[in-house]
Amino acid sequence: MRKAIKYAVLALFLLLGFIYLNNNPRFVKKTVQKPWFLAHRALGQTFPTAGLTNETCTARRIYPPDHPYLENTIPAMEAAFAAGAAVVELDIHPTRDGQFAVFHDWTLDCRTNGKGVTRNHTMAELKQLDVGYGYTADNGKTYPFRGKGIGLMPSLQEVLNHFPDRQFLINIKSNDPAEGEQLAKHLATLPEERLAQLAVYGGDRPIAVLQKRLPGLRVMSKATLVRSLLAYLAIGWTGYIPASCRNTQLHIPEKYAPWLWGWPDRFLQRMEAVNTRVILVAGNGKFSEGFDTAEDIKRIPPGYSGGIWTNRVDKIAPFSRRINNSNFLLSTFYIIPGKNQRTVFRKGEANEERPNFSGCIAGFSNHTSHRDLHANYETVGFYLPLRPGSHQPDVAEKAQYTSGDPGRAWSYQLV
């Protein structure tokens, strides 16, 4: 009896040791891949999420605008890709004439000057609407986008034609299987390499149809996500990847991510090996919460190399280097436009005679001697890929900064 207990205890220790070694991210070769950003609805106006319900008109509670773009429009998608998005998420509704309109809301009343259910209109009718009509940041005193969104609601085909080599995540806004059938027929006309750049998520029933009609397409619904995660929690510790986790899309709320075997490094490597894309969503995933600020980025584990869901890719893409290496330094810089120059100062040192940039990359190609500073400087935040004790940047490339001029490039230098 004692011998049996001894062997049982030994077997238990061996099993626990196997689980530990097989799932501890410390024993995984660190990836050199960078994280990538999924721009939710491209680049749109954001709003406080406190107290949101499914009936809330978010266009009527936006923050004061700091950029000119409207969600789900082609200009917003161009801006999102220019800012650093690898994938743009967009929403679709079928139209009365057999097309798909790229628009978020079930009805038109909140954002546009139209009325009624979105899918009860033709694409031509939707093109006549002003998609910026309903936006206000001051309870209706002013409408800064009114008149600026006329004709900006695109069809899905327009988007795919305009961006022939870009990646998109398509959101079906209903649980109607007929919508899955219609979208499957539409996507089936695309070449295989184009289909590989797309993924679809939405209601359980239309996604089930898509999964059956287009088995090579990455799809996700609440049902597929729950099935995949439960199966992985049950047997993922062995290193075996359940069939439900293969060739799919997983949106992982950060609240639950640490419970996954091997999170983050080993989990990501396992999913990549079976052609599954992982996207980290902020909080518990409610109401499309994203990583939208520098403070949010700090919650992402060092070395994370999957997708990051964001509503403000323009604000957080410059911070991505910090995620790859926890030793990288973080600073926020200010650009003070001067005559034929750009002078850069670190946060907290704006009034210093000679700012100290020790251990940081802090200059630009047109950097000259500093001048007297004023309070109306402009903030540009980014993580600095310079290891402590080193005088060389981690990469010798141009860094992209958005400062009222998306995509403007500045080459940096050590100061």
Protein backbone atom coordinates (compact mmCIF):
# COMPACT_ATOMS: atom_id res chain seq x y z
CA MET A 1 0.00 0.00 0.00
CA ARG A 2 2.79 2.40 0.91
CA LYS A 3 4.56 1.60 -2.35
CA ALA A 4 1.39 2.37 -4.32
CA ILE A 5 1.00 5.70 -2.56
CA LYS A 6 4.66 6.48 -3.19
CA TYR A 7 4.28 5.78 -6.91
CA ALA A 8 1.07 7.80 -7.04
CA VAL A 9 2.78 10.78 -5.41
CA LEU A 10 5.74 10.44 -7.77
CA ALA A 11 3.42 10.26 -10.76
CA LEU A 12 1.61 13.35 -9.54
CA PHE A 13 4.87 15.28 -9.18
CA LEU A 14 5.98 14.19 -12.64
CA LEU A 15 2.64 15.27 -14.10
CA LEU A 16 2.83 18.65 -12.38
CA GLY A 17 6.40 19.07 -13.56
CA PHE A 18 5.39 18.27 -17.13
CA ILE A 19 2.51 20.76 -17.01
CA TYR A 20 4.82 23.44 -15.60
CA LEU A 21 7.60 22.93 -18.11
CA ASN A 22 5.25 22.48 -21.04
CA ASN A 23 3.32 25.69 -20.37
CA ASN A 24 5.73 28.08 -18.69
CA PRO A 25 6.47 30.94 -21.11
CA ARG A 26 9.97 31.28 -19.61
CA PHE A 27 11.03 28.18 -21.48
CA VAL A 28 9.86 29.43 -24.86
CA LYS A 29 12.27 30.98 -27.32
CA LYS A 30 11.34 34.65 -27.42
CA THR A 31 9.80 35.81 -30.66
CA VAL A 32 11.21 38.70 -32.65
CA GLN A 33 7.81 39.44 -34.08
CA LYS A 34 6.16 42.72 -33.22
CA PRO A 35 2.58 43.00 -32.02
CA TRP A 36 0.14 44.30 -34.57
CA PHE A 37 -2.92 46.49 -34.29
CA LEU A 38 -6.51 45.91 -35.27
CA ALA A 39 -8.25 49.24 -35.77
CA HIS A 40 -11.84 48.87 -34.62
CA ARG A 41 -14.13 50.58 -37.15
CA ALA A 42 -10.93 52.06 -38.66
CA LEU A 43 -10.36 55.46 -37.03
CA GLY A 44 -13.47 57.05 -35.59
CA GLN A 45 -14.66 59.36 -32.87
CA THR A 46 -14.47 57.81 -29.41
CA PHE A 47 -16.72 58.22 -26.40
CA PRO A 48 -16.93 57.35 -22.69
CA THR A 49 -18.12 53.78 -22.18
CA ALA A 50 -19.55 54.20 -18.68
CA GLY A 51 -23.27 53.49 -18.63
CA LEU A 52 -23.44 52.24 -22.21
CA THR A 53 -26.31 50.01 -23.26
CA ASN A 54 -27.20 48.50 -26.61
CA GLU A 55 -29.62 51.39 -27.10
CA THR A 56 -27.12 54.20 -26.44
CA CYS A 57 -26.51 56.58 -29.33
CA THR A 58 -22.75 56.95 -29.01
CA ALA A 59 -22.59 59.69 -31.66
CA ARG A 60 -24.30 61.98 -29.18
CA ARG A 61 -21.67 61.53 -26.47
CA ILE A 62 -18.33 61.75 -28.28
CA TYR A 63 -15.24 63.33 -26.83
CA PRO A 64 -14.24 66.69 -28.36
CA PRO A 65 -12.87 65.70 -31.79
CA ASP A 66 -9.09 65.67 -32.25
CA HIS A 67 -9.12 64.25 -35.77
CA PRO A 68 -11.46 64.62 -38.77
CA TYR A 69 -12.37 60.97 -39.43
CA LEU A 70 -15.67 59.11 -39.19
CA GLU A 71 -15.79 55.40 -38.46
CA ASN A 72 -16.33 52.83 -41.20
CA THR A 73 -15.50 55.25 -44.00
CA ILE A 74 -12.75 54.89 -46.59
CA PRO A 75 -10.89 58.05 -45.43
CA ALA A 76 -10.90 56.64 -41.87
CA MET A 77 -9.53 53.33 -43.14
CA GLU A 78 -6.78 55.10 -45.06
CA ALA A 79 -5.86 57.02 -41.91
CA ALA A 80 -5.88 53.85 -39.79
CA PHE A 81 -3.56 51.98 -42.13
CA ALA A 82 -1.29 55.03 -42.40
CA ALA A 83 -1.13 55.21 -38.60
CA GLY A 84 0.04 51.61 -38.31
CA ALA A 85 -2.99 49.30 -38.38
CA ALA A 86 -2.35 45.85 -39.80
CA VAL A 87 -6.06 44.99 -39.88
CA VAL A 88 -9.15 47.18 -40.01
CA GLU A 89 -12.44 45.97 -38.52
CA LEU A 90 -15.62 47.05 -40.28
CA ASP A 91 -19.34 46.41 -39.86
CA ILE A 92 -21.76 45.35 -42.58
CA HIS A 93 -25.49 45.22 -43.24
CA PRO A 94 -27.16 43.69 -46.31
CA THR A 95 -29.02 46.23 -48.43
CA ARG A 96 -32.33 45.91 -50.22
CA ASP A 97 -30.55 45.66 -53.59
CA GLY A 98 -28.30 42.74 -52.62
CA GLN A 99 -25.14 44.61 -51.58
CA PHE A 100 -23.47 45.09 -48.20
CA ALA A 101 -23.30 48.55 -46.65
CA VAL A 102 -20.37 49.29 -44.35
CA PHE A 103 -22.06 50.87 -41.35
CA HIS A 104 -22.29 49.99 -37.66
CA ASP A 105 -25.79 50.79 -36.44
CA TRP A 106 -28.90 48.70 -36.93
CA THR A 107 -30.82 51.91 -37.63
CA LEU A 108 -29.86 55.16 -39.32
CA ASP A 109 -31.34 57.62 -36.82
CA CYS A 110 -28.36 58.04 -34.46
CA ARG A 111 -25.50 58.96 -36.79
CA THR A 112 -27.14 60.04 -40.02
CA ASN A 113 -29.92 62.26 -41.31
CA GLY A 114 -31.80 59.14 -42.40
CA LYS A 115 -34.53 57.16 -40.67
CA GLY A 116 -35.35 53.51 -40.24
CA VAL A 117 -33.56 50.17 -40.33
CA THR A 118 -30.32 50.23 -42.31
CA ARG A 119 -31.00 47.02 -44.25
CA ASN A 120 -34.36 48.30 -45.50
CA HIS A 121 -32.61 50.71 -47.87
CA THR A 122 -30.76 50.34 -51.15
CA MET A 123 -27.08 51.18 -51.39
CA ALA A 124 -27.95 54.15 -53.61
CA GLU A 125 -30.28 55.51 -50.92
CA LEU A 126 -27.66 55.05 -48.22
CA LYS A 127 -25.12 56.91 -50.37
CA GLN A 128 -27.28 60.04 -50.15
CA LEU A 129 -27.01 60.21 -46.37
CA ASP A 130 -24.69 62.29 -44.19
CA VAL A 131 -22.94 59.80 -41.87
CA GLY A 132 -21.56 62.66 -39.76
CA TYR A 133 -24.93 64.31 -39.14
CA GLY A 134 -25.58 63.18 -35.56
CA TYR A 135 -22.19 63.61 -33.89
CA THR A 136 -21.99 66.05 -30.99
CA ALA A 137 -19.60 66.53 -28.08
CA ASP A 138 -21.61 69.19 -26.24
CA ASN A 139 -25.12 67.75 -25.92
CA GLY A 140 -26.30 69.11 -29.23
CA LYS A 141 -24.99 72.67 -29.07
CA THR A 142 -22.77 72.01 -32.06
CA TYR A 143 -22.46 69.24 -34.65
CA PRO A 144 -18.87 69.37 -35.93
CA PHE A 145 -19.27 66.72 -38.64
CA ARG A 146 -22.66 67.72 -39.99
CA GLY A 147 -22.45 68.13 -43.75
CA LYS A 148 -19.03 66.47 -43.90
CA GLY A 149 -20.16 62.87 -44.21
CA ILE A 150 -22.42 63.03 -47.25
CA GLY A 151 -21.81 60.07 -49.56
CA LEU A 152 -19.18 58.51 -47.30
CA MET A 153 -21.00 55.28 -46.48
CA PRO A 154 -19.21 52.70 -48.66
CA SER A 155 -20.26 49.27 -49.82
CA LEU A 156 -18.16 46.27 -48.87
CA GLN A 157 -17.16 45.83 -52.50
CA GLU A 158 -15.96 49.44 -52.65
CA VAL A 159 -13.75 48.87 -49.63
CA LEU A 160 -12.24 45.66 -51.01
CA ASN A 161 -11.62 47.32 -54.38
CA HIS A 162 -10.05 50.40 -52.77
CA PHE A 163 -7.72 48.31 -50.59
CA PRO A 164 -6.85 45.28 -52.76
CA ASP A 165 -4.01 44.05 -50.56
CA ARG A 166 -5.11 45.07 -47.05
CA GLN A 167 -6.46 42.87 -44.26
CA PHE A 168 -9.98 43.27 -42.88
CA LEU A 169 -12.10 41.80 -40.13
CA ILE A 170 -15.75 41.87 -41.20
CA ASN A 171 -18.46 42.04 -38.55
CA ILE A 172 -21.91 40.64 -39.37
CA LYS A 173 -24.35 42.60 -37.22
CA SER A 174 -27.17 40.06 -37.17
CA ASN A 175 -27.84 36.42 -36.31
CA ASP A 176 -29.60 35.76 -39.61
CA PRO A 177 -28.24 32.67 -41.42
CA ALA A 178 -29.42 34.13 -44.73
CA GLU A 179 -26.88 36.91 -44.25
CA GLY A 180 -24.19 34.26 -43.90
CA GLU A 181 -25.33 32.68 -47.15
CA GLN A 182 -25.27 36.03 -48.95
CA LEU A 183 -21.81 36.91 -47.67
CA ALA A 184 -20.48 33.44 -48.49
CA LYS A 185 -21.61 33.84 -52.11
CA HIS A 186 -19.98 37.26 -52.27
CA LEU A 187 -16.66 36.14 -50.80
CA ALA A 188 -16.57 32.92 -52.83
CA THR A 189 -15.85 35.03 -55.91
CA LEU A 190 -12.55 36.22 -54.44
CA PRO A 191 -9.24 34.47 -55.19
CA GLU A 192 -7.80 32.29 -52.45
CA GLU A 193 -4.97 34.69 -51.62
CA ARG A 194 -7.46 37.54 -51.14
CA LEU A 195 -9.70 35.41 -48.95
CA ALA A 196 -6.71 34.69 -46.73
CA GLN A 197 -6.54 38.43 -45.93
CA LEU A 198 -10.08 38.47 -44.57
CA ALA A 199 -11.80 37.17 -41.46
CA VAL A 200 -15.44 37.35 -40.37
CA TYR A 201 -17.12 37.36 -36.96
CA GLY A 202 -20.68 37.84 -35.81
CA GLY A 203 -23.79 35.91 -34.81
CA ASP A 204 -23.60 32.16 -34.28
CA ARG A 205 -25.95 31.23 -37.12
CA PRO A 206 -24.46 33.25 -40.02
CA ILE A 207 -20.95 32.27 -38.90
CA ALA A 208 -21.93 28.59 -38.89
CA VAL A 209 -23.07 29.01 -42.51
CA LEU A 210 -19.81 30.70 -43.50
CA GLN A 211 -17.77 28.03 -41.76
CA LYS A 212 -19.56 25.37 -43.79
CA ARG A 213 -19.51 27.18 -47.14
CA LEU A 214 -15.94 28.56 -46.87
CA PRO A 215 -13.95 26.22 -44.59
CA GLY A 216 -10.68 28.01 -45.38
CA LEU A 217 -11.96 31.36 -44.11
CA ARG A 218 -11.13 32.43 -40.56
CA VAL A 219 -14.41 32.99 -38.72
CA MET A 220 -15.49 33.56 -35.13
CA SER A 221 -18.71 33.81 -33.15
CA LYS A 222 -19.46 33.64 -29.47
CA ALA A 223 -20.15 29.92 -29.86
CA THR A 224 -16.87 29.17 -31.68
CA LEU A 225 -14.88 31.26 -29.19
CA VAL A 226 -16.36 29.55 -26.14
CA ARG A 227 -15.96 26.12 -27.72
CA SER A 228 -12.32 26.80 -28.60
CA LEU A 229 -11.34 28.18 -25.20
CA LEU A 230 -13.08 25.46 -23.20
CA ALA A 231 -11.43 22.76 -25.30
CA TYR A 232 -8.04 24.42 -24.89
CA LEU A 233 -8.46 24.78 -21.14
CA ALA A 234 -9.32 21.08 -20.96
CA ILE A 235 -6.40 19.64 -22.95
CA GLY A 236 -4.18 22.52 -24.02
CA TRP A 237 -1.79 21.84 -21.14
CA THR A 238 -0.62 18.75 -23.04
CA GLY A 239 0.48 20.83 -26.01
CA TYR A 240 -2.21 19.30 -28.22
CA ILE A 241 -4.31 21.89 -30.04
CA PRO A 242 -8.02 20.98 -30.23
CA ALA A 243 -9.64 21.01 -33.66
CA SER A 244 -11.92 23.89 -32.60
CA CYS A 245 -8.83 26.08 -32.11
CA ARG A 246 -7.51 25.54 -35.63
CA ASN A 247 -7.80 28.03 -38.51
CA THR A 248 -9.96 30.44 -36.59
CA GLN A 249 -9.93 33.80 -34.87
CA LEU A 250 -9.77 34.26 -31.10
CA HIS A 251 -10.64 37.55 -29.42
CA ILE A 252 -9.22 37.15 -25.91
CA PRO A 253 -10.32 39.61 -23.18
CA GLU A 254 -7.28 40.58 -21.11
CA LYS A 255 -9.19 39.71 -17.94
CA TYR A 256 -9.24 36.02 -18.89
CA ALA A 257 -6.03 35.71 -20.91
CA PRO A 258 -3.74 34.76 -17.96
CA TRP A 259 -5.82 31.60 -17.40
CA LEU A 260 -4.84 30.17 -20.78
CA TRP A 261 -2.14 27.50 -20.76
CA GLY A 262 1.20 29.02 -21.77
CA TRP A 263 0.00 32.61 -21.93
CA PRO A 264 1.30 34.60 -23.67
CA ASP A 265 4.34 33.27 -25.55
CA ARG A 266 3.64 29.57 -25.76
CA PHE A 267 -0.07 30.09 -26.35
CA LEU A 268 0.61 32.46 -29.25
CA GLN A 269 3.13 30.08 -30.80
CA ARG A 270 0.67 27.21 -30.56
CA MET A 271 -2.10 29.21 -32.21
CA GLU A 272 0.19 30.49 -34.94
CA ALA A 273 1.18 26.90 -35.74
CA VAL A 274 -2.47 26.05 -36.55
CA ASN A 275 -3.20 29.26 -38.51
CA THR A 276 -5.26 30.88 -35.76
CA ARG A 277 -5.13 34.60 -35.19
CA VAL A 278 -5.18 35.93 -31.62
CA ILE A 279 -6.40 39.43 -30.76
CA LEU A 280 -6.21 40.83 -27.25
CA VAL A 281 -9.24 42.89 -26.21
CA ALA A 282 -9.20 45.29 -23.25
CA GLY A 283 -11.02 44.52 -20.01
CA ASN A 284 -13.64 41.80 -20.21
CA GLY A 285 -14.36 42.48 -23.88
CA LYS A 286 -17.62 44.30 -23.26
CA PHE A 287 -18.68 47.01 -25.73
CA SER A 288 -15.56 46.63 -27.88
CA GLU A 289 -13.16 47.97 -25.29
CA GLY A 290 -9.75 48.67 -26.76
CA PHE A 291 -6.22 49.56 -25.78
CA ASP A 292 -6.47 53.24 -26.61
CA THR A 293 -3.91 55.08 -24.46
CA ALA A 294 -0.29 54.80 -23.37
CA GLU A 295 -1.53 53.69 -19.94
CA ASP A 296 -3.53 50.89 -21.56
CA ILE A 297 -0.45 49.63 -23.39
CA LYS A 298 1.36 49.12 -20.09
CA ARG A 299 -1.07 46.29 -19.29
CA ILE A 300 0.05 44.23 -22.28
CA PRO A 301 2.58 41.56 -21.25
CA PRO A 302 6.16 42.08 -22.48
CA GLY A 303 6.94 39.96 -25.49
CA TYR A 304 3.32 39.79 -26.65
CA SER A 305 3.29 39.39 -30.44
CA GLY A 306 -0.38 38.94 -31.32
CA GLY A 307 -3.06 41.40 -32.32
CA ILE A 308 -4.17 44.34 -30.17
CA TRP A 309 -7.70 45.69 -30.44
CA THR A 310 -7.79 49.47 -30.45
CA ASN A 311 -10.15 52.32 -31.17
CA ARG A 312 -7.27 54.79 -31.47
CA VAL A 313 -4.52 53.24 -33.53
CA ASP A 314 -3.20 56.72 -34.22
CA LYS A 315 -2.46 57.20 -30.52
CA ILE A 316 -1.03 53.81 -29.57
CA ALA A 317 0.80 52.46 -32.62
CA PRO A 318 3.89 54.58 -31.82
CA PHE A 319 4.11 52.83 -28.44
CA SER A 320 4.33 49.31 -29.82
CA ARG A 321 8.07 48.85 -29.28
CA ARG A 322 7.67 48.76 -25.54
CA ILE A 323 5.55 45.60 -25.82
CA ASN A 324 8.38 43.67 -27.46
CA ASN A 325 10.96 44.33 -24.82
CA SER A 326 10.28 45.34 -21.26
CA ASN A 327 13.74 46.94 -21.09
CA PHE A 328 12.90 49.57 -23.64
CA LEU A 329 12.47 53.04 -22.22
CA LEU A 330 9.30 55.08 -22.42
CA SER A 331 9.14 58.83 -22.80
CA THR A 332 6.65 61.32 -24.12
CA PHE A 333 8.05 64.04 -26.30
CA TYR A 334 6.85 67.39 -27.45
CA ILE A 335 7.40 68.84 -30.88
CA ILE A 336 7.61 72.60 -30.92
CA PRO A 337 7.36 73.88 -34.46
CA GLY A 338 9.85 76.67 -35.10
CA LYS A 339 10.99 78.43 -38.22
CA ASN A 340 12.54 75.78 -40.46
CA GLN A 341 13.10 73.49 -37.48
CA ARG A 342 11.56 70.92 -35.19
CA THR A 343 12.81 70.90 -31.61
CA VAL A 344 12.04 67.94 -29.39
CA PHE A 345 11.82 67.94 -25.61
CA ARG A 346 11.01 65.23 -23.16
CA LYS A 347 7.97 65.39 -20.90
CA GLY A 348 8.71 67.15 -17.62
CA GLU A 349 11.62 69.03 -19.16
CA ALA A 350 9.77 71.49 -21.33
CA ASN A 351 11.14 74.48 -19.45
CA GLU A 352 14.68 73.20 -18.99
CA GLU A 353 17.52 75.12 -20.59
CA ARG A 354 19.22 71.92 -21.77
CA PRO A 355 16.93 68.88 -21.66
CA ASN A 356 18.65 65.66 -20.64
CA PHE A 357 18.11 62.92 -23.20
CA SER A 358 20.51 60.45 -21.63
CA GLY A 359 19.53 56.92 -22.56
CA CYS A 360 16.91 57.98 -25.07
CA ILE A 361 16.55 58.53 -28.76
CA ALA A 362 15.32 62.05 -28.90
CA GLY A 363 16.04 63.94 -32.06
CA PHE A 364 14.86 64.29 -35.61
CA SER A 365 16.68 64.89 -38.86
CA ASN A 366 15.94 68.62 -38.76
CA HIS A 367 16.87 68.96 -35.10
CA THR A 368 18.73 72.17 -34.29
CA SER A 369 19.61 73.89 -31.06
CA HIS A 370 16.65 74.47 -28.79
CA ARG A 371 14.92 77.78 -28.37
CA ASP A 372 12.75 79.25 -25.70
CA LEU A 373 9.67 77.13 -25.24
CA HIS A 374 6.08 78.10 -24.83
CA ALA A 375 3.16 76.38 -23.18
CA ASN A 376 1.41 75.58 -26.45
CA TYR A 377 3.57 72.65 -27.43
CA GLU A 378 2.19 69.60 -29.18
CA THR A 379 2.41 66.11 -27.72
CA VAL A 380 3.83 63.19 -29.64
CA GLY A 381 4.26 60.03 -27.60
CA PHE A 382 6.40 57.07 -28.50
CA TYR A 383 8.47 54.33 -26.97
CA LEU A 384 12.16 54.54 -27.51
CA PRO A 385 13.92 51.37 -28.71
CA LEU A 386 17.16 52.01 -26.87
CA ARG A 387 18.48 49.48 -24.39
CA PRO A 388 19.89 50.76 -21.09
CA GLY A 389 23.62 51.34 -21.32
CA SER A 390 23.53 51.39 -25.11
CA HIS A 391 24.10 54.29 -27.47
CA GLN A 392 22.60 52.60 -30.48
CA PRO A 393 18.92 52.38 -31.37
CA ASP A 394 17.42 48.94 -31.67
CA VAL A 395 16.53 49.61 -35.29
CA ALA A 396 17.87 51.97 -37.92
CA GLU A 397 14.65 52.92 -39.56
CA LYS A 398 12.39 55.93 -39.77
CA ALA A 399 9.84 56.29 -37.03
CA GLN A 400 6.31 57.33 -37.87
CA TYR A 401 4.64 60.01 -35.81
CA THR A 402 1.16 61.42 -36.16
CA SER A 403 0.97 65.08 -35.27
CA GLY A 404 -1.99 66.52 -37.11
CA ASP A 405 -0.45 65.11 -40.26
CA PRO A 406 -0.91 61.31 -40.42
CA GLY A 407 1.99 59.39 -41.86
CA ARG A 408 4.56 62.16 -41.58
CA ALA A 409 7.97 60.56 -41.08
CA TRP A 410 10.87 61.88 -39.05
CA SER A 411 14.26 60.21 -38.90
CA TYR A 412 15.62 60.18 -35.37
CA GLN A 413 19.10 60.57 -33.95
CA LEU A 414 20.72 60.26 -30.56
CA VAL A 415 21.05 63.61 -28.80
